[in-house]
Amino acid sequence: MSHILTTECELDRIAPLNVQSEHAETVSSLPNALPEGESVIHVQELSKSRTVALIAILAGVTFISSFSNGLLTVGLPRMAKDLALPGNLLLWPASVYALTTGCFLILSGSVADLVCSRTMFLIGCFFQGVFVLACGFAKSGIQLIMFRAMQGIAVSFCLPTAVSIITNAFPHGRRRNLGLAIMGAGQPLGFSVGLVLGGLFIDSIGWRSGYYMCAAANTTIFGISCWGIPEDHQRTPLSWRRLRDEIDWVGAVLASACLGMLSYVLAAVTASASNLRDASNIVLFSISFAIIPAFIFWVGRQERRGKPALIPNSLWTNTAFTSICLMLLLSWSVLNIMEFFSSLFFQEVQQLSALQTSIRFLPNIMAGAICNISTGLLAHKFRANYLVTITSFLSAAAPLLMALINPAWPYWYSAFWAMLLGPFSVDVLFTVSALVITSAFPNKMQALSGAVFQTLAQFGTSLGLAVMASISSSVTKSSKFALKTSPQALMEGYRVIFWVSFGWMLLCCAIGLGGLRKVGKVGLKRE
């Protein structure tokens, strides 16, 4: 059975994704018609109330995970003081979450496709609530780091399975588009709301209240999930033989090990650029890069032998797929860089309180929410390459404005427009890329497609923060100011970061113009 990527214009044909050649998955040049002998899986339509509940559940879980990240970002200085967190571990509560999530996403997605997306999601949702609550009760910095690491593992069960649940519950068309858009909105929206409410809590009832609130909301969502998430489609009975033969365990271990070691090194570099000279980090960095050709060789061998391949090499020959992955990596990286270093700019350079800083992110929240919902409703009406390229150009203005800003300027001169334009690219690209990536994988591999999608976002965050933290530290240390912690010295480092981010967004635009020129409308309803 073959499945067709729903685009209006021609896309390059890709090689089989499935185990057997007779089940080849291809990208067709036909708009909405299936070739003779091929069919799509028909999905029983859910009621409107069940649809609303399902989308709210999936968006809610991603919202809570990102909310806790936003709360941590704005509250880290106060948390470090309350928990006596050493300076060399200051960034680890944030870094370790991305590390464990990135390590387990691919493996969780592979297992979920074979076992049951619903079951995996419920397990992840339950334990996310447990460890978010544990963060609120943490008595030391080490406890906070450990609980954040476990939360990352729990989230890795939820993110890929959420994509699979949507694609299995809704047929191609408006409901699926809107579901993916709203689910995608949960991540940037949750982070921004976490920044705003985190600043409010820190200056009033305390940062722990934010985690208690998250845990309460997560418990409510878990209860609704037991009813609201439909059972998976009829599956072949699970057996040890299927677990052994139908999952590319070697590929999953290689990918997870590579991402884990690389993410660890990036986290260490984020804390201090000098950590890159440590022998252990050099070894891990070298091993992670050595695994890449080993992984490419292994999945290529699996493809040639007609056996399960985690992410087939042939998939990357599809220009649209590769371009959308690169754009997602870059734009998600820039979004997190902008939010993280803009927060530092407001607090460390302009000397604003956590609450005042949080209020300045309100335009970011509103623009992101409107952008996501609009994309879900209208994505099938416009060419995808126009949507993502135009919004990437708009978002490129955000780091440009922050690079040119004078700290003495009023908020409305420059910073307001940077906050307003910042989320445009990611919020549109998130939905479009979800539609393209999930359509490139067969129906039985939708959790894995969600894992690929989410891994790009997580790795983009780790890569961007590590690179920019190193640049900022280096520029600040070489500045002419004697006091390297002064607002003037810090601003020199931040300004270079914003210029580099502007360059990354221009690269993102160039990739969109060149790589997506053959992509038409996505998310069209299939006949």
Protein backbone atom coordinates (compact mmCIF):
# COMPACT_ATOMS: atom_id res chain seq x y z
CA MET A 1 0.00 0.00 0.00
CA SER A 2 1.48 3.35 -0.97
CA HIS A 3 0.80 6.76 0.50
CA ILE A 4 0.98 10.07 -1.32
CA LEU A 5 2.41 13.39 -0.14
CA THR A 6 -0.38 15.89 -0.67
CA THR A 7 1.15 18.72 -2.68
CA GLU A 8 0.00 20.44 -5.82
CA CYS A 9 3.31 20.61 -7.62
CA GLU A 10 5.99 18.10 -8.42
CA LEU A 11 8.25 16.70 -5.73
CA ASP A 12 11.15 14.41 -6.30
CA ARG A 13 10.32 10.72 -6.00
CA ILE A 14 11.88 9.10 -2.97
CA ALA A 15 12.87 5.49 -2.47
CA PRO A 16 10.99 2.95 -0.32
CA LEU A 17 10.62 3.69 3.37
CA ASN A 18 9.01 0.42 4.37
CA VAL A 19 10.52 -2.96 5.01
CA GLN A 20 9.52 -4.70 1.81
CA SER A 21 9.91 -3.31 -1.67
CA GLU A 22 6.33 -4.14 -2.57
CA HIS A 23 5.21 -1.67 0.07
CA ALA A 24 7.27 1.22 -1.32
CA GLU A 25 6.38 4.66 0.00
CA THR A 26 6.70 7.36 -2.62
CA VAL A 27 6.15 11.04 -3.11
CA SER A 28 4.03 11.54 -6.18
CA SER A 29 3.77 14.41 -8.59
CA LEU A 30 0.01 14.03 -8.75
CA PRO A 31 -1.94 16.53 -6.66
CA ASN A 32 -4.73 14.61 -4.98
CA ALA A 33 -5.25 11.48 -7.02
CA LEU A 34 -3.83 8.09 -6.12
CA PRO A 35 -2.19 5.90 -8.76
CA GLU A 36 -4.03 2.79 -9.82
CA GLY A 37 -3.88 0.06 -7.24
CA GLU A 38 -3.01 2.36 -4.37
CA SER A 39 -5.24 3.43 -1.53
CA VAL A 40 -5.29 5.46 1.66
CA ILE A 41 -6.31 4.38 5.12
CA HIS A 42 -9.78 5.71 5.87
CA VAL A 43 -10.12 7.25 9.32
CA GLN A 44 -13.44 7.23 11.16
CA GLU A 45 -14.38 10.85 11.76
CA LEU A 46 -14.56 11.93 15.40
CA SER A 47 -17.39 14.03 16.78
CA LYS A 48 -16.76 17.74 17.22
CA SER A 49 -16.59 17.45 21.02
CA ARG A 50 -14.13 14.54 20.80
CA THR A 51 -12.08 16.47 18.23
CA VAL A 52 -11.85 19.54 20.46
CA ALA A 53 -10.94 17.40 23.48
CA LEU A 54 -8.25 15.49 21.58
CA ILE A 55 -6.57 18.58 20.17
CA ALA A 56 -6.75 20.31 23.57
CA ILE A 57 -5.13 17.29 25.25
CA LEU A 58 -2.21 17.07 22.84
CA ALA A 59 -1.64 20.83 22.78
CA GLY A 60 -1.95 20.93 26.57
CA VAL A 61 0.81 18.41 27.18
CA THR A 62 3.24 20.22 24.86
CA PHE A 63 2.18 23.53 26.43
CA ILE A 64 2.97 22.29 29.94
CA SER A 65 6.39 20.92 28.99
CA SER A 66 7.33 24.23 27.35
CA PHE A 67 5.74 26.28 30.14
CA SER A 68 8.09 24.65 32.62
CA ASN A 69 11.01 25.59 30.36
CA GLY A 70 9.88 29.22 30.21
CA LEU A 71 9.42 29.29 33.97
CA LEU A 72 12.96 27.95 34.39
CA THR A 73 14.45 30.47 31.95
CA VAL A 74 13.11 33.55 33.72
CA GLY A 75 13.39 32.11 37.22
CA LEU A 76 16.82 30.47 37.04
CA PRO A 77 18.69 33.23 38.94
CA ARG A 78 16.24 32.99 41.86
CA MET A 79 16.15 29.17 41.74
CA ALA A 80 19.94 28.99 41.78
CA LYS A 81 20.01 31.20 44.88
CA ASP A 82 17.26 29.27 46.70
CA LEU A 83 18.73 25.85 45.89
CA ALA A 84 22.41 26.82 46.24
CA LEU A 85 23.09 25.72 42.68
CA PRO A 86 26.82 26.16 41.88
CA GLY A 87 27.74 28.54 39.09
CA ASN A 88 29.27 25.78 36.98
CA LEU A 89 25.91 23.97 37.01
CA LEU A 90 23.75 27.05 36.43
CA LEU A 91 22.58 26.10 32.94
CA TRP A 92 22.27 22.36 33.57
CA PRO A 93 18.59 22.35 34.67
CA ALA A 94 17.77 23.62 31.16
CA SER A 95 20.45 21.69 29.27
CA VAL A 96 19.80 18.29 30.84
CA TYR A 97 16.14 18.43 29.79
CA ALA A 98 17.09 18.91 26.14
CA LEU A 99 19.76 16.22 26.52
CA THR A 100 17.46 13.46 27.77
CA THR A 101 14.60 14.43 25.47
CA GLY A 102 16.86 14.35 22.42
CA CYS A 103 18.33 10.98 23.42
CA PHE A 104 15.00 9.20 23.72
CA LEU A 105 12.80 10.80 21.03
CA ILE A 106 13.86 8.54 18.14
CA LEU A 107 13.75 5.39 20.25
CA SER A 108 10.35 6.28 21.75
CA GLY A 109 8.91 7.00 18.30
CA SER A 110 10.15 3.69 16.91
CA VAL A 111 8.70 1.67 19.79
CA ALA A 112 5.39 3.58 19.76
CA ASP A 113 4.78 2.74 16.10
CA LEU A 114 4.94 -0.94 16.95
CA VAL A 115 3.42 -1.00 20.43
CA CYS A 116 0.72 1.67 20.78
CA SER A 117 0.93 5.46 20.49
CA ARG A 118 -1.93 5.95 22.94
CA THR A 119 -0.31 3.84 25.66
CA MET A 120 3.08 5.50 25.22
CA PHE A 121 1.49 8.95 25.36
CA LEU A 122 -0.42 8.16 28.56
CA ILE A 123 2.73 6.81 30.24
CA GLY A 124 4.67 9.92 29.24
CA CYS A 125 1.87 12.26 30.33
CA PHE A 126 1.60 10.61 33.75
CA PHE A 127 5.32 10.75 34.49
CA GLN A 128 5.63 14.29 33.18
CA GLY A 129 3.17 15.33 35.90
CA VAL A 130 5.13 13.39 38.52
CA PHE A 131 8.48 14.97 37.69
CA VAL A 132 7.12 18.50 37.16
CA LEU A 133 5.69 18.27 40.68
CA ALA A 134 9.01 16.91 41.91
CA CYS A 135 10.77 20.00 40.49
CA GLY A 136 8.53 22.13 42.69
CA PHE A 137 9.57 20.13 45.77
CA ALA A 138 13.31 20.10 44.92
CA LYS A 139 15.49 20.92 47.92
CA SER A 140 18.83 21.20 46.14
CA GLY A 141 20.24 22.08 42.75
CA ILE A 142 21.22 18.45 42.08
CA GLN A 143 17.65 17.30 42.77
CA LEU A 144 16.31 19.90 40.34
CA ILE A 145 18.73 18.71 37.64
CA MET A 146 17.77 15.05 38.19
CA PHE A 147 14.03 15.77 38.10
CA ARG A 148 14.43 17.85 34.94
CA ALA A 149 16.33 14.97 33.32
CA MET A 150 13.50 12.55 34.13
CA GLN A 151 10.93 15.06 32.87
CA GLY A 152 12.81 15.13 29.56
CA ILE A 153 12.50 11.35 29.23
CA ALA A 154 8.77 11.52 29.99
CA VAL A 155 8.27 14.25 27.39
CA SER A 156 10.09 12.13 24.79
CA PHE A 157 7.22 9.63 25.12
CA CYS A 158 4.62 12.35 24.48
CA LEU A 159 5.97 14.47 21.62
CA PRO A 160 6.32 11.86 18.83
CA THR A 161 3.17 9.97 19.83
CA ALA A 162 1.14 13.20 19.80
CA VAL A 163 1.93 13.58 16.08
CA SER A 164 1.00 9.94 15.46
CA ILE A 165 -2.29 10.29 17.35
CA ILE A 166 -3.30 13.31 15.24
CA THR A 167 -2.43 11.69 11.91
CA ASN A 168 -4.26 8.50 12.89
CA ALA A 169 -7.32 10.32 14.25
CA PHE A 170 -7.84 12.83 11.44
CA PRO A 171 -7.76 12.27 7.67
CA HIS A 172 -5.78 14.64 5.43
CA GLY A 173 -7.51 18.00 5.38
CA ARG A 174 -8.51 20.91 7.55
CA ARG A 175 -8.92 19.08 10.88
CA ARG A 176 -5.48 17.47 10.64
CA ASN A 177 -3.93 20.80 9.64
CA LEU A 178 -5.57 22.58 12.56
CA GLY A 179 -4.66 19.79 14.98
CA LEU A 180 -0.98 19.90 14.04
CA ALA A 181 -1.01 23.71 14.13
CA ILE A 182 -2.54 23.97 17.60
CA MET A 183 -0.32 21.19 18.92
CA GLY A 184 2.68 23.03 17.48
CA ALA A 185 1.48 26.27 19.05
CA GLY A 186 1.71 24.61 22.46
CA GLN A 187 5.51 24.67 22.44
CA PRO A 188 6.38 28.31 21.64
CA LEU A 189 3.20 29.57 23.31
CA GLY A 190 3.86 27.55 26.46
CA PHE A 191 7.43 28.85 26.67
CA SER A 192 6.32 32.47 26.27
CA VAL A 193 3.50 32.15 28.82
CA GLY A 194 5.99 30.49 31.17
CA LEU A 195 8.25 33.52 30.83
CA VAL A 196 5.40 35.92 31.61
CA LEU A 197 3.76 34.06 34.50
CA GLY A 198 7.16 32.97 35.80
CA GLY A 199 8.15 36.60 36.25
CA LEU A 200 4.86 37.26 38.03
CA PHE A 201 5.25 34.25 40.36
CA ILE A 202 8.89 34.97 41.20
CA ASP A 203 8.08 38.50 42.31
CA SER A 204 5.01 37.40 44.30
CA ILE A 205 4.13 33.83 45.38
CA GLY A 206 7.42 32.16 44.42
CA TRP A 207 8.70 30.03 41.53
CA ARG A 208 7.61 26.74 43.13
CA SER A 209 3.97 27.72 42.62
CA GLY A 210 4.51 27.61 38.86
CA TYR A 211 5.53 23.96 39.03
CA TYR A 212 2.62 23.11 41.33
CA MET A 213 0.24 24.71 38.84
CA CYS A 214 1.85 22.75 35.98
CA ALA A 215 1.47 19.48 37.87
CA ALA A 216 -2.20 20.18 38.63
CA ALA A 217 -2.93 21.00 34.99
CA ASN A 218 -1.03 17.91 33.83
CA THR A 219 -3.05 15.68 36.18
CA THR A 220 -6.28 17.10 34.74
CA ILE A 221 -5.08 16.50 31.19
CA PHE A 222 -4.05 12.93 32.03
CA GLY A 223 -7.53 12.20 33.37
CA ILE A 224 -9.20 13.59 30.24
CA SER A 225 -6.70 11.72 28.03
CA CYS A 226 -7.92 8.34 29.25
CA TRP A 227 -11.27 9.17 27.62
CA GLY A 228 -10.37 11.63 24.90
CA ILE A 229 -7.61 9.77 23.04
CA PRO A 230 -9.08 7.17 20.68
CA GLU A 231 -7.74 3.64 20.56
CA ASP A 232 -5.14 2.95 17.88
CA HIS A 233 -6.21 1.29 14.66
CA GLN A 234 -6.30 -2.50 14.66
CA ARG A 235 -2.75 -3.78 14.97
CA THR A 236 -1.10 -7.12 14.43
CA PRO A 237 -0.69 -8.81 17.85
CA LEU A 238 2.57 -7.80 19.49
CA SER A 239 5.24 -10.45 19.99
CA TRP A 240 8.90 -10.57 20.95
CA ARG A 241 9.70 -11.56 17.38
CA ARG A 242 8.02 -8.42 16.01
CA LEU A 243 9.83 -6.27 18.57
CA ARG A 244 13.11 -7.83 17.44
CA ASP A 245 12.51 -7.82 13.69
CA GLU A 246 10.39 -4.73 12.97
CA ILE A 247 12.37 -2.06 14.79
CA ASP A 248 15.76 -0.89 13.63
CA TRP A 249 17.33 -1.21 17.07
CA VAL A 250 20.88 -0.69 15.86
CA GLY A 251 19.91 2.48 14.00
CA ALA A 252 17.94 3.75 17.01
CA VAL A 253 20.83 3.14 19.41
CA LEU A 254 23.34 4.77 17.05
CA ALA A 255 21.12 7.83 16.54
CA SER A 256 20.32 8.19 20.25
CA ALA A 257 23.94 7.76 21.29
CA CYS A 258 25.14 10.33 18.75
CA LEU A 259 22.50 12.87 19.76
CA GLY A 260 23.07 12.21 23.45
CA MET A 261 26.84 12.70 23.36
CA LEU A 262 26.62 15.69 21.06
CA SER A 263 23.91 17.30 23.20
CA TYR A 264 26.00 16.73 26.34
CA VAL A 265 29.01 18.46 24.79
CA LEU A 266 26.83 21.32 23.56
CA ALA A 267 25.35 21.70 27.05
CA ALA A 268 28.85 21.82 28.54
CA VAL A 269 29.93 24.42 25.99
CA THR A 270 26.80 26.46 26.74
CA ALA A 271 27.87 26.64 30.39
CA SER A 272 31.43 27.64 29.48
CA ALA A 273 33.22 27.70 26.12
CA SER A 274 36.41 26.54 27.85
CA ASN A 275 34.75 23.18 28.54
CA LEU A 276 35.31 22.26 24.91
CA ARG A 277 39.01 21.83 25.76
CA ASP A 278 38.28 19.19 28.40
CA ALA A 279 39.58 15.75 27.39
CA SER A 280 36.28 14.01 28.15
CA ASN A 281 34.30 16.45 26.00
CA ILE A 282 36.79 16.13 23.14
CA VAL A 283 36.43 12.33 23.26
CA LEU A 284 32.62 12.47 23.34
CA PHE A 285 32.56 15.03 20.54
CA SER A 286 34.84 12.85 18.40
CA ILE A 287 32.83 9.68 19.05
CA SER A 288 29.55 11.41 18.21
CA PHE A 289 30.92 12.52 14.84
CA ALA A 290 32.36 9.06 14.19
CA ILE A 291 28.90 7.56 14.73
CA ILE A 292 27.39 9.65 11.90
CA PRO A 293 29.04 7.74 9.00
CA ALA A 294 28.39 4.48 10.87
CA PHE A 295 24.70 5.35 11.05
CA ILE A 296 24.59 6.29 7.36
CA PHE A 297 26.28 3.01 6.42
CA TRP A 298 23.94 0.96 8.63
CA VAL A 299 20.62 2.39 7.38
CA GLY A 300 21.88 2.17 3.79
CA ARG A 301 22.68 -1.49 4.34
CA GLN A 302 19.24 -2.06 5.87
CA GLU A 303 17.56 -0.43 2.86
CA ARG A 304 19.48 -2.53 0.37
CA ARG A 305 18.54 -5.71 2.24
CA GLY A 306 14.87 -4.72 2.44
CA LYS A 307 14.92 -4.57 6.25
CA PRO A 308 13.69 -1.86 8.65
CA ALA A 309 15.77 1.31 8.39
CA LEU A 310 15.27 4.00 11.03
CA ILE A 311 15.60 6.98 8.68
CA PRO A 312 16.38 5.69 5.16
CA ASN A 313 19.17 7.50 3.32
CA SER A 314 16.90 7.77 0.28
CA LEU A 315 14.60 10.05 2.24
CA TRP A 316 17.24 12.79 2.22
CA THR A 317 17.32 12.79 -1.59
CA ASN A 318 13.93 14.47 -1.49
CA THR A 319 14.76 18.18 -1.80
CA ALA A 320 11.60 19.39 -0.08
CA PHE A 321 12.04 17.07 2.90
CA THR A 322 15.70 17.98 3.41
CA SER A 323 15.04 21.71 2.98
CA ILE A 324 12.14 21.76 5.44
CA CYS A 325 14.27 19.91 8.01
CA LEU A 326 17.12 22.42 7.69
CA MET A 327 14.72 25.36 7.91
CA LEU A 328 13.08 23.92 11.02
CA LEU A 329 16.48 23.40 12.65
CA LEU A 330 17.61 26.97 11.94
CA SER A 331 14.37 28.81 12.70
CA TRP A 332 13.70 26.92 15.94
CA SER A 333 17.26 27.61 17.02
CA VAL A 334 16.91 31.34 16.33
CA LEU A 335 13.57 31.54 18.15
CA ASN A 336 15.07 30.08 21.33
CA ILE A 337 18.18 32.23 20.99
CA MET A 338 16.02 35.34 20.66
CA GLU A 339 13.87 34.51 23.69
CA PHE A 340 16.80 33.49 25.88
CA PHE A 341 19.12 36.40 25.08
CA SER A 342 16.31 38.96 24.85
CA SER A 343 15.41 37.98 28.41
CA LEU A 344 19.05 38.54 29.41
CA PHE A 345 19.07 41.86 27.54
CA PHE A 346 16.05 43.15 29.44
CA GLN A 347 17.32 41.96 32.84
CA GLU A 348 21.11 42.33 32.62
CA VAL A 349 21.46 45.33 30.26
CA GLN A 350 18.31 47.34 30.85
CA GLN A 351 18.21 46.24 34.53
CA LEU A 352 14.52 45.34 34.48
CA SER A 353 12.84 43.02 36.98
CA ALA A 354 11.64 39.51 36.07
CA LEU A 355 8.04 40.78 35.96
CA GLN A 356 8.88 43.73 33.71
CA THR A 357 10.84 41.38 31.44
CA SER A 358 7.93 38.95 31.24
CA ILE A 359 5.47 41.66 30.23
CA ARG A 360 7.69 42.57 27.29
CA PHE A 361 7.15 39.08 25.85
CA LEU A 362 3.35 39.50 25.60
CA PRO A 363 3.45 40.50 21.88
CA ASN A 364 5.41 37.30 21.24
CA ILE A 365 2.63 35.22 22.80
CA MET A 366 -0.19 36.93 20.92
CA ALA A 367 1.57 36.85 17.55
CA GLY A 368 2.50 33.19 17.98
CA ALA A 369 -1.02 32.09 18.87
CA ILE A 370 -2.62 34.00 15.97
CA CYS A 371 0.00 32.74 13.53
CA ASN A 372 -0.43 29.07 14.47
CA ILE A 373 -4.21 29.02 14.31
CA SER A 374 -4.25 30.99 11.05
CA THR A 375 -1.77 28.57 9.49
CA GLY A 376 -3.87 25.57 10.52
CA LEU A 377 -6.98 27.10 8.98
CA LEU A 378 -5.40 28.47 5.79
CA ALA A 379 -2.35 26.29 5.02
CA HIS A 380 -4.19 24.37 2.30
CA LYS A 381 -5.08 27.60 0.48
CA PHE A 382 -1.57 28.95 -0.14
CA ARG A 383 1.63 27.58 -1.60
CA ALA A 384 3.86 26.28 1.18
CA ASN A 385 7.05 27.80 -0.24
CA TYR A 386 5.48 31.27 -0.23
CA LEU A 387 4.20 30.87 3.33
CA VAL A 388 7.46 29.76 4.92
CA THR A 389 9.75 32.06 2.91
CA ILE A 390 7.74 35.24 3.51
CA THR A 391 7.35 34.57 7.23
CA SER A 392 11.07 33.74 7.49
CA PHE A 393 11.89 37.14 5.97
CA LEU A 394 9.58 38.80 8.50
CA SER A 395 11.16 36.94 11.42
CA ALA A 396 14.65 37.84 10.17
CA ALA A 397 13.78 41.42 11.11
CA ALA A 398 13.56 40.45 14.80
CA PRO A 399 17.29 39.74 15.41
CA LEU A 400 18.16 42.63 13.09
CA LEU A 401 16.18 45.05 15.26
CA MET A 402 17.81 43.71 18.43
CA ALA A 403 21.26 43.97 16.83
CA LEU A 404 20.66 47.65 16.05
CA ILE A 405 18.94 48.51 19.33
CA ASN A 406 20.16 51.21 21.69
CA PRO A 407 19.54 50.06 25.29
CA ALA A 408 18.37 53.60 26.12
CA TRP A 409 15.57 53.48 23.54
CA PRO A 410 11.97 53.06 24.73
CA TYR A 411 10.54 49.56 24.34
CA TRP A 412 8.21 50.61 21.49
CA TYR A 413 11.04 51.81 19.21
CA SER A 414 12.64 48.45 18.48
CA ALA A 415 12.20 45.71 21.08
CA PHE A 416 8.40 45.62 20.68
CA TRP A 417 8.65 44.92 16.95
CA ALA A 418 11.33 42.29 17.53
CA MET A 419 9.06 40.49 20.01
CA LEU A 420 6.12 40.76 17.61
CA LEU A 421 7.91 39.44 14.51
CA GLY A 422 10.06 36.79 16.20
CA PRO A 423 7.63 33.84 16.22
CA PHE A 424 6.26 34.22 12.66
CA SER A 425 8.71 31.85 10.98
CA VAL A 426 8.60 29.03 13.52
CA ASP A 427 4.85 29.09 14.00
CA VAL A 428 4.15 28.80 10.27
CA LEU A 429 7.04 26.46 9.57
CA PHE A 430 6.07 24.18 12.46
CA THR A 431 2.73 23.35 10.86
CA VAL A 432 3.99 23.16 7.28
CA SER A 433 6.97 20.99 8.20
CA ALA A 434 4.76 18.67 10.25
CA LEU A 435 2.53 18.15 7.20
CA VAL A 436 5.49 17.55 4.88
CA ILE A 437 7.43 15.24 7.23
CA THR A 438 4.46 13.12 8.33
CA SER A 439 3.40 12.73 4.70
CA ALA A 440 6.88 11.50 3.77
CA PHE A 441 6.55 8.57 6.20
CA PRO A 442 4.05 5.69 5.87
CA ASN A 443 1.07 5.53 8.21
CA LYS A 444 2.62 2.82 10.35
CA MET A 445 5.66 5.06 11.04
CA GLN A 446 3.92 8.26 12.10
CA ALA A 447 5.33 8.28 15.65
CA LEU A 448 8.82 7.98 14.17
CA SER A 449 8.07 10.88 11.81
CA GLY A 450 7.00 12.91 14.84
CA ALA A 451 10.24 11.93 16.58
CA VAL A 452 12.31 13.15 13.61
CA PHE A 453 10.32 16.37 13.60
CA GLN A 454 10.70 17.00 17.34
CA THR A 455 14.37 15.95 17.40
CA LEU A 456 15.18 18.67 14.89
CA ALA A 457 13.54 21.26 17.14
CA GLN A 458 15.26 19.98 20.31
CA PHE A 459 18.67 19.71 18.66
CA GLY A 460 18.24 23.16 17.11
CA THR A 461 17.76 24.59 20.59
CA SER A 462 20.86 22.86 22.00
CA LEU A 463 23.02 23.76 19.01
CA GLY A 464 21.91 27.39 18.89
CA LEU A 465 22.35 28.10 22.60
CA ALA A 466 25.76 26.40 22.70
CA VAL A 467 27.11 28.30 19.70
CA MET A 468 25.71 31.64 20.81
CA ALA A 469 26.80 31.28 24.44
CA SER A 470 30.35 30.66 23.25
CA ILE A 471 30.24 33.66 20.93
CA SER A 472 28.76 35.92 23.60
CA SER A 473 31.31 34.88 26.21
CA SER A 474 34.23 35.36 23.82
CA VAL A 475 33.11 38.79 22.63
CA THR A 476 32.36 40.01 26.16
CA LYS A 477 35.77 38.87 27.44
CA SER A 478 37.56 40.68 24.62
CA SER A 479 35.55 43.89 25.03
CA LYS A 480 37.28 47.15 26.02
CA PHE A 481 35.34 47.39 29.29
CA ALA A 482 37.27 46.48 32.41
CA LEU A 483 34.23 45.09 34.23
CA LYS A 484 33.12 42.18 32.06
CA THR A 485 29.80 41.82 33.89
CA SER A 486 28.79 45.43 33.23
CA PRO A 487 25.75 46.08 31.00
CA GLN A 488 28.01 47.66 28.36
CA ALA A 489 30.32 44.62 28.14
CA LEU A 490 27.41 42.17 28.09
CA MET A 491 25.67 44.18 25.38
CA GLU A 492 28.64 43.79 23.06
CA GLY A 493 28.32 40.02 23.28
CA TYR A 494 24.53 40.08 22.88
CA ARG A 495 24.72 42.38 19.87
CA VAL A 496 27.02 39.96 18.00
CA ILE A 497 24.63 37.11 18.83
CA PHE A 498 21.72 39.00 17.30
CA TRP A 499 23.75 39.69 14.15
CA VAL A 500 24.63 36.01 13.80
CA SER A 501 20.97 35.08 14.33
CA PHE A 502 20.03 37.50 11.57
CA GLY A 503 22.47 35.70 9.27
CA TRP A 504 20.97 32.33 10.18
CA MET A 505 17.49 33.57 9.31
CA LEU A 506 18.72 34.86 5.94
CA LEU A 507 20.17 31.39 5.31
CA CYS A 508 16.79 29.93 6.26
CA CYS A 509 15.13 32.19 3.69
CA ALA A 510 17.61 31.13 1.00
CA ILE A 511 16.94 27.45 1.71
CA GLY A 512 13.21 28.09 1.45
CA LEU A 513 13.56 29.90 -1.88
CA GLY A 514 15.75 27.21 -3.40
CA GLY A 515 14.61 23.98 -1.80
CA LEU A 516 10.85 24.48 -1.66
CA ARG A 517 10.27 26.03 -5.08
CA LYS A 518 8.50 22.86 -6.32
CA VAL A 519 6.28 22.52 -3.27
CA GLY A 520 2.72 23.71 -3.74
CA LYS A 521 -0.10 23.53 -1.25
CA VAL A 522 0.12 21.09 1.65
CA GLY A 523 -2.59 19.62 3.83
CA LEU A 524 -5.11 19.23 1.03
CA LYS A 525 -7.96 16.81 1.57
CA ARG A 526 -7.46 13.48 -0.16
CA GLU A 527 -10.15 11.98 -2.28
